[in-house]
Amino acid sequence: MQERIVIGMSGGVDSSAAALLLRDAGYDVIGVTLSLVPDGVRDGAADARRVADVLGIEHHVLDLRSAFRALVMEPFIESYLCGQTPNPCVLCNREIKFGAMLRYARSLGAEKIATGHYARTVCRDGHTDLFSTDSRKDQSYFLCKLRQEQLAAAVFPLDGLEKAEIRRIALENGLPVAQKKDSQDVCFIPDNDYAAFICKSRALTPQSGEFVDPDGNVIGRHEGILHYTIGQRKGLGAFGKPMFVTAIDPVRNRVVLGENGRQYAAGLTADDLNWIAFDMPAVEMDCEVRIRFRASPAPAHVRVRNGQALVRFSEPQRSVTPGQTVAFYDGDLVLGGGTIIKAIQGGSNDEEAI
């Protein structure tokens, strides 16, 4: 009897090719498209259904709009209003794709779920490890907050494949999305305009405020803190020299600007820690740290205490951003992840804080 598996199908080429590979591997495949955003905003269900028809597999649409709003969109908005820059995809993976969708899969008689993520898992002695994949599209960073029971049920058919090969497989098998462009935006934010989305969601009008230098001296006016993020250079105005956003103060409605070099940090503190490779890490360890998806792993020393992590980089890192996800690695093994609380400047004695 074929093992049943549910695959999340977004209507893109990655998840479509993953469904094909699972079918050809002998699984009883059921495609599920998650309806996450309001009507009129893309959800890919039509394309996913066309692919399912070509593959000869079942296709369902699961309405999770209410859960997505409560578990992903609202925390994103609240975090942004607090001057942070969150990563909603990490939260969506934990709460929606490998949370609500896994529960739905089990109601259909499937114990495994698959996605089009580029990542790899290895199960040994009742424990599941998560690894980065050899592909340049590696997406293990987005999965660093998955729990053991979620990883144990996860299947990633695209492990080790490159995008060009995925498109070739899709084209050779007549999948109608073989040439479909990848989406680069957050799925629930039209035109990738974060400020406009948040203002509309909360019926807010951005409030202008002060640009200040690191010493608190007023050097200009900003258009509302929602328009800025750590490390930003463009759209700040003219100051006679390059300036970068180094901090956001939502309480005083201030944006702190610094000259070139001030956008680098010696370390960070993080909370909301999730460990994958072990139940609890050593109090201190050396590992590599990724502070955002596109960042290269940076060697660092990590101290864990009181549910928080203090990270000291071997070399200063650019644009350490509160609210963003930080992922910890030992080579290609994902140790776990957390949420950045704040950046640490050189000489700061933040050890006392944790």
Protein backbone atom coordinates (compact mmCIF):
# COMPACT_ATOMS: atom_id res chain seq x y z
CA MET A 1 0.00 0.00 0.00
CA GLN A 2 1.33 3.42 -0.96
CA GLU A 3 2.33 5.77 1.84
CA ARG A 4 0.13 8.84 1.78
CA ILE A 5 1.77 12.25 1.88
CA VAL A 6 0.37 15.78 1.73
CA ILE A 7 2.33 18.44 -0.10
CA GLY A 8 1.77 22.15 0.22
CA MET A 9 1.28 23.46 -3.33
CA SER A 10 1.60 27.22 -3.72
CA GLY A 11 1.14 27.15 -7.48
CA GLY A 12 4.85 27.84 -8.04
CA VAL A 13 7.37 25.70 -9.86
CA ASP A 14 9.20 24.49 -6.73
CA SER A 15 6.23 22.90 -4.97
CA SER A 16 4.88 21.63 -8.29
CA ALA A 17 8.14 19.85 -9.12
CA ALA A 18 8.27 18.49 -5.56
CA ALA A 19 4.80 16.99 -6.03
CA LEU A 20 5.97 15.36 -9.26
CA LEU A 21 9.05 13.88 -7.58
CA LEU A 22 6.95 12.49 -4.74
CA ARG A 23 4.46 10.91 -7.14
CA ASP A 24 7.28 9.31 -9.13
CA ALA A 25 8.83 8.04 -5.89
CA GLY A 26 5.67 6.01 -5.27
CA TYR A 27 3.81 8.12 -2.73
CA ASP A 28 0.05 8.55 -2.68
CA VAL A 29 0.24 12.34 -3.07
CA ILE A 30 -2.43 14.84 -2.06
CA GLY A 31 -1.79 18.45 -2.98
CA VAL A 32 -3.03 21.13 -0.58
CA THR A 33 -3.07 24.84 -1.35
CA LEU A 34 -3.34 27.06 1.69
CA SER A 35 -5.69 30.01 1.36
CA LEU A 36 -3.98 32.55 3.59
CA VAL A 37 -4.76 36.04 2.42
CA PRO A 38 -7.92 38.07 1.66
CA ASP A 39 -9.81 37.58 -1.59
CA GLY A 40 -8.23 39.46 -4.44
CA VAL A 41 -4.66 38.78 -3.30
CA ARG A 42 -2.83 35.90 -4.94
CA ASP A 43 -2.99 32.42 -3.43
CA GLY A 44 -1.94 30.26 -6.39
CA ALA A 45 -4.83 27.82 -6.06
CA ALA A 46 -5.75 27.87 -9.75
CA ASP A 47 -2.20 27.09 -10.89
CA ALA A 48 -1.83 24.40 -8.25
CA ARG A 49 -5.04 22.72 -9.39
CA ARG A 50 -3.83 22.73 -13.01
CA VAL A 51 -0.60 21.03 -11.92
CA ALA A 52 -2.50 18.48 -9.84
CA ASP A 53 -4.65 17.63 -12.86
CA VAL A 54 -1.54 17.03 -14.98
CA LEU A 55 -0.04 14.82 -12.26
CA GLY A 56 -3.28 12.96 -11.63
CA ILE A 57 -3.30 13.66 -7.90
CA GLU A 58 -5.94 14.97 -5.50
CA HIS A 59 -5.97 18.68 -4.81
CA HIS A 60 -7.58 20.45 -1.85
CA VAL A 61 -7.80 24.11 -0.83
CA LEU A 62 -7.51 24.65 2.92
CA ASP A 63 -8.88 27.95 4.23
CA LEU A 64 -6.51 29.16 6.94
CA ARG A 65 -7.10 32.88 6.54
CA SER A 66 -8.30 33.38 10.09
CA ALA A 67 -5.40 31.44 11.63
CA PHE A 68 -2.89 33.15 9.35
CA ARG A 69 -4.20 36.57 10.34
CA ALA A 70 -3.97 35.77 14.06
CA LEU A 71 -0.72 33.80 14.10
CA VAL A 72 1.36 35.54 11.41
CA MET A 73 -0.04 38.85 10.21
CA GLU A 74 -0.94 40.35 13.59
CA PRO A 75 2.41 39.51 15.24
CA PHE A 76 4.15 40.94 12.16
CA ILE A 77 2.23 44.20 12.42
CA GLU A 78 2.79 44.51 16.17
CA SER A 79 6.50 43.85 15.79
CA TYR A 80 6.83 46.47 13.05
CA LEU A 81 5.00 49.04 15.17
CA CYS A 82 7.57 48.39 17.90
CA GLY A 83 10.38 49.40 15.55
CA GLN A 84 11.41 45.85 14.65
CA THR A 85 11.74 44.10 11.29
CA PRO A 86 10.28 40.59 11.68
CA ASN A 87 10.48 37.66 9.28
CA PRO A 88 6.90 36.40 8.82
CA CYS A 89 7.95 33.39 6.72
CA VAL A 90 9.72 31.79 9.69
CA LEU A 91 6.59 32.15 11.82
CA CYS A 92 4.36 30.91 9.00
CA ASN A 93 6.43 27.75 8.62
CA ARG A 94 6.12 26.92 12.32
CA GLU A 95 2.49 27.86 12.90
CA ILE A 96 0.82 27.34 9.52
CA LYS A 97 2.67 25.09 7.05
CA PHE A 98 4.09 22.67 9.59
CA GLY A 99 1.40 23.39 12.17
CA ALA A 100 -2.13 23.71 10.81
CA MET A 101 -1.32 21.94 7.53
CA LEU A 102 0.25 19.01 9.37
CA ARG A 103 -2.87 18.63 11.49
CA TYR A 104 -4.99 18.71 8.33
CA ALA A 105 -2.75 16.10 6.68
CA ARG A 106 -3.29 13.75 9.58
CA SER A 107 -7.04 14.17 9.23
CA LEU A 108 -6.56 12.85 5.67
CA GLY A 109 -4.61 9.83 6.87
CA ALA A 110 -1.13 11.16 6.08
CA GLU A 111 1.68 11.18 8.63
CA LYS A 112 4.12 13.08 6.40
CA ILE A 113 3.95 16.49 4.78
CA ALA A 114 6.20 17.92 2.09
CA THR A 115 7.01 21.39 0.81
CA GLY A 116 9.11 22.92 -1.93
CA HIS A 117 11.74 24.15 0.51
CA TYR A 118 15.39 23.55 -0.32
CA ALA A 119 16.58 21.78 2.84
CA ARG A 120 17.40 18.31 4.20
CA THR A 121 16.47 16.27 7.25
CA VAL A 122 18.04 13.13 8.70
CA CYS A 123 16.23 10.97 11.27
CA ARG A 124 18.30 8.87 13.68
CA ASP A 125 17.28 7.12 16.90
CA GLY A 126 14.07 9.07 17.25
CA HIS A 127 15.72 12.45 16.64
CA THR A 128 15.48 14.53 13.47
CA ASP A 129 18.30 16.84 12.41
CA LEU A 130 17.89 19.69 9.94
CA PHE A 131 20.65 20.48 7.45
CA SER A 132 21.29 23.16 4.88
CA THR A 133 21.28 21.81 1.36
CA ASP A 134 24.01 21.99 -1.25
CA SER A 135 21.74 24.07 -3.47
CA ARG A 136 22.37 27.79 -3.81
CA LYS A 137 18.66 28.14 -2.97
CA ASP A 138 19.14 26.67 0.51
CA GLN A 139 16.20 27.68 2.72
CA SER A 140 17.10 25.99 6.00
CA TYR A 141 17.21 29.44 7.63
CA PHE A 142 13.42 29.71 7.28
CA LEU A 143 12.96 26.36 9.05
CA CYS A 144 15.17 26.95 12.09
CA LYS A 145 12.20 27.37 14.47
CA LEU A 146 10.50 24.08 13.60
CA ARG A 147 10.00 21.71 16.50
CA GLN A 148 11.12 18.09 16.59
CA GLU A 149 7.65 16.67 15.94
CA GLN A 150 7.31 18.94 12.90
CA LEU A 151 10.70 18.04 11.45
CA ALA A 152 10.02 14.33 11.98
CA ALA A 153 7.01 14.66 9.66
CA ALA A 154 8.74 16.85 7.06
CA VAL A 155 9.89 15.73 3.62
CA PHE A 156 11.90 18.01 1.32
CA PRO A 157 12.06 16.47 -2.18
CA LEU A 158 14.16 19.32 -3.64
CA ASP A 159 17.21 18.66 -1.46
CA GLY A 160 20.38 19.20 -3.48
CA LEU A 161 18.67 20.39 -6.66
CA GLU A 162 19.27 23.73 -8.34
CA LYS A 163 16.57 25.99 -9.73
CA ALA A 164 17.56 25.40 -13.36
CA GLU A 165 17.18 21.65 -12.85
CA ILE A 166 13.79 22.13 -11.19
CA ARG A 167 12.55 24.12 -14.18
CA ARG A 168 13.92 21.49 -16.57
CA ILE A 169 12.11 18.71 -14.71
CA ALA A 170 8.88 20.71 -14.71
CA LEU A 171 9.18 21.53 -18.42
CA GLU A 172 9.99 17.96 -19.48
CA ASN A 173 6.95 16.70 -17.60
CA GLY A 174 4.55 19.26 -19.03
CA LEU A 175 3.86 21.17 -15.82
CA PRO A 176 2.05 24.40 -16.75
CA VAL A 177 4.06 26.49 -14.25
CA ALA A 178 7.50 25.48 -15.52
CA GLN A 179 8.35 29.05 -16.56
CA LYS A 180 6.43 30.85 -13.82
CA LYS A 181 8.47 33.55 -12.12
CA ASP A 182 9.33 33.23 -8.44
CA SER A 183 7.55 35.53 -6.02
CA GLN A 184 9.95 37.81 -4.17
CA ASP A 185 7.42 39.59 -1.95
CA VAL A 186 5.81 38.80 1.38
CA CYS A 187 2.60 37.04 0.32
CA PHE A 188 0.19 39.26 2.25
CA ILE A 189 1.74 42.66 1.42
CA PRO A 190 0.66 44.07 -1.96
CA ASP A 191 3.53 45.64 -3.94
CA ASN A 192 5.87 44.90 -1.00
CA ASP A 193 4.84 48.24 0.57
CA TYR A 194 5.12 47.40 4.27
CA ALA A 195 4.24 50.87 5.54
CA ALA A 196 1.09 51.16 3.42
CA PHE A 197 -0.08 47.70 4.48
CA ILE A 198 0.41 48.37 8.18
CA CYS A 199 -1.20 51.81 8.02
CA LYS A 200 -4.23 50.35 6.24
CA SER A 201 -4.48 47.44 8.68
CA ARG A 202 -4.43 49.73 11.71
CA ALA A 203 -6.09 52.81 10.14
CA LEU A 204 -2.91 54.74 10.94
CA THR A 205 -1.31 57.82 9.45
CA PRO A 206 2.51 57.77 9.62
CA GLN A 207 3.77 60.37 12.08
CA SER A 208 6.86 62.33 11.13
CA GLY A 209 9.60 62.60 13.71
CA GLU A 210 13.27 63.35 14.28
CA PHE A 211 16.37 61.94 12.69
CA VAL A 212 19.06 62.00 15.36
CA ASP A 213 22.75 61.14 15.41
CA PRO A 214 24.16 58.53 17.84
CA ASP A 215 24.57 61.26 20.49
CA GLY A 216 20.91 62.27 20.24
CA ASN A 217 21.44 65.48 18.30
CA VAL A 218 18.57 66.28 15.92
CA ILE A 219 19.82 66.30 12.32
CA GLY A 220 16.59 66.14 10.29
CA ARG A 221 13.03 64.89 9.99
CA HIS A 222 11.74 61.47 8.99
CA GLU A 223 8.41 60.45 7.44
CA GLY A 224 7.37 57.85 10.03
CA ILE A 225 9.33 54.94 11.51
CA LEU A 226 7.43 52.38 9.42
CA HIS A 227 9.40 53.56 6.39
CA TYR A 228 12.80 52.60 7.83
CA THR A 229 14.80 49.54 8.76
CA ILE A 230 18.25 48.94 10.22
CA GLY A 231 21.07 49.39 7.70
CA GLN A 232 18.96 51.44 5.30
CA ARG A 233 20.82 54.09 3.31
CA LYS A 234 18.44 55.11 0.54
CA GLY A 235 15.56 57.51 1.10
CA LEU A 236 17.09 59.30 4.09
CA GLY A 237 17.78 62.65 2.45
CA ALA A 238 21.02 64.60 2.00
CA PHE A 239 23.46 64.96 4.89
CA GLY A 240 26.63 65.73 2.95
CA LYS A 241 27.94 62.21 3.61
CA PRO A 242 26.55 58.67 3.52
CA MET A 243 24.31 57.94 6.51
CA PHE A 244 22.70 54.69 7.63
CA VAL A 245 19.82 53.76 9.93
CA THR A 246 21.42 52.32 13.06
CA ALA A 247 18.45 52.22 15.45
CA ILE A 248 14.71 52.90 15.62
CA ASP A 249 13.12 54.35 18.75
CA PRO A 250 9.32 53.89 18.55
CA VAL A 251 8.72 55.40 22.00
CA ARG A 252 10.18 58.79 21.04
CA ASN A 253 9.39 58.34 17.34
CA ARG A 254 13.04 58.77 16.44
CA VAL A 255 15.30 57.20 13.80
CA VAL A 256 18.99 57.12 14.68
CA LEU A 257 21.44 57.68 11.81
CA GLY A 258 25.15 56.99 11.81
CA GLU A 259 28.03 57.41 9.43
CA ASN A 260 29.56 54.56 7.46
CA GLY A 261 30.82 51.94 9.90
CA ARG A 262 28.16 52.56 12.53
CA GLN A 263 25.86 50.05 10.79
CA TYR A 264 28.17 47.23 11.94
CA ALA A 265 27.70 45.40 15.24
CA ALA A 266 30.03 43.29 17.37
CA GLY A 267 27.24 40.96 18.43
CA LEU A 268 23.60 40.57 19.37
CA THR A 269 21.21 39.24 21.96
CA ALA A 270 18.34 36.91 21.01
CA ASP A 271 15.36 35.23 22.63
CA ASP A 272 12.49 32.94 21.53
CA LEU A 273 15.16 30.26 21.16
CA ASN A 274 14.37 26.94 19.47
CA TRP A 275 17.02 24.23 19.54
CA ILE A 276 16.93 21.44 16.95
CA ALA A 277 20.24 19.60 17.23
CA PHE A 278 19.90 19.10 21.00
CA ASP A 279 17.41 19.62 23.81
CA MET A 280 19.62 22.29 25.36
CA PRO A 281 22.96 23.61 24.12
CA ALA A 282 26.10 23.97 26.15
CA VAL A 283 26.26 27.19 28.16
CA GLU A 284 28.89 28.42 25.72
CA MET A 285 29.71 27.26 22.20
CA ASP A 286 31.38 28.33 18.99
CA CYS A 287 29.29 28.10 15.83
CA GLU A 288 28.25 30.01 12.71
CA VAL A 289 25.39 32.49 12.78
CA ARG A 290 23.14 33.81 10.01
CA ILE A 291 21.41 37.08 10.90
CA ARG A 292 19.15 37.13 7.82
CA PHE A 293 18.35 34.87 4.88
CA ARG A 294 20.87 36.33 2.43
CA ALA A 295 23.67 36.69 4.98
CA SER A 296 26.66 34.36 4.91
CA PRO A 297 27.21 32.29 8.05
CA ALA A 298 29.45 34.28 10.40
CA PRO A 299 31.73 32.61 12.99
CA ALA A 300 30.67 33.56 16.50
CA HIS A 301 30.85 32.67 20.17
CA VAL A 302 27.45 32.06 21.74
CA ARG A 303 26.54 32.13 25.42
CA VAL A 304 23.11 30.79 26.45
CA ARG A 305 21.51 31.76 29.73
CA ASN A 306 18.02 32.44 31.08
CA GLY A 307 16.35 31.64 27.76
CA GLN A 308 18.45 34.13 25.83
CA ALA A 309 21.58 33.96 23.70
CA LEU A 310 24.47 36.40 23.68
CA VAL A 311 26.32 36.26 20.36
CA ARG A 312 29.77 37.74 19.81
CA PHE A 313 30.93 37.75 16.20
CA SER A 314 34.53 37.04 15.22
CA GLU A 315 34.16 39.97 12.81
CA PRO A 316 31.56 42.78 13.04
CA GLN A 317 28.40 42.12 11.04
CA ARG A 318 26.33 44.61 9.07
CA SER A 319 22.74 45.56 9.84
CA VAL A 320 21.93 43.38 12.83
CA THR A 321 18.18 43.99 12.98
CA PRO A 322 15.88 43.56 16.01
CA GLY A 323 12.92 41.32 15.18
CA GLN A 324 14.78 39.36 12.52
CA THR A 325 15.47 35.65 12.86
CA VAL A 326 18.95 34.45 13.77
CA ALA A 327 19.91 30.89 12.85
CA PHE A 328 22.77 28.91 14.42
CA TYR A 329 24.81 26.40 12.40
CA ASP A 330 27.61 23.90 12.86
CA GLY A 331 28.70 23.51 9.25
CA ASP A 332 25.57 22.36 7.43
CA LEU A 333 23.83 21.22 10.62
CA VAL A 334 21.17 23.64 11.86
CA LEU A 335 21.54 23.93 15.62
CA GLY A 336 18.46 26.10 16.05
CA GLY A 337 17.21 29.65 15.83
CA GLY A 338 15.94 32.65 17.74
CA THR A 339 14.73 36.23 17.39
CA ILE A 340 17.15 39.15 17.58
CA ILE A 341 16.44 41.48 20.51
CA LYS A 342 19.15 44.05 19.87
CA ALA A 343 22.56 44.62 18.35
CA ILE A 344 25.65 44.92 20.55
CA GLN A 345 28.24 47.56 19.79
CA GLY A 346 31.91 46.97 20.51
CA GLY A 347 32.75 47.14 24.21
CA SER A 348 29.14 46.84 25.36
CA ASN A 349 28.74 44.84 28.55
CA ASP A 350 25.52 43.06 27.58
CA GLU A 351 26.59 39.86 29.33
CA GLU A 352 25.01 41.26 32.48
CA ALA A 353 21.64 41.40 30.70
CA ILE A 354 21.42 37.63 30.34
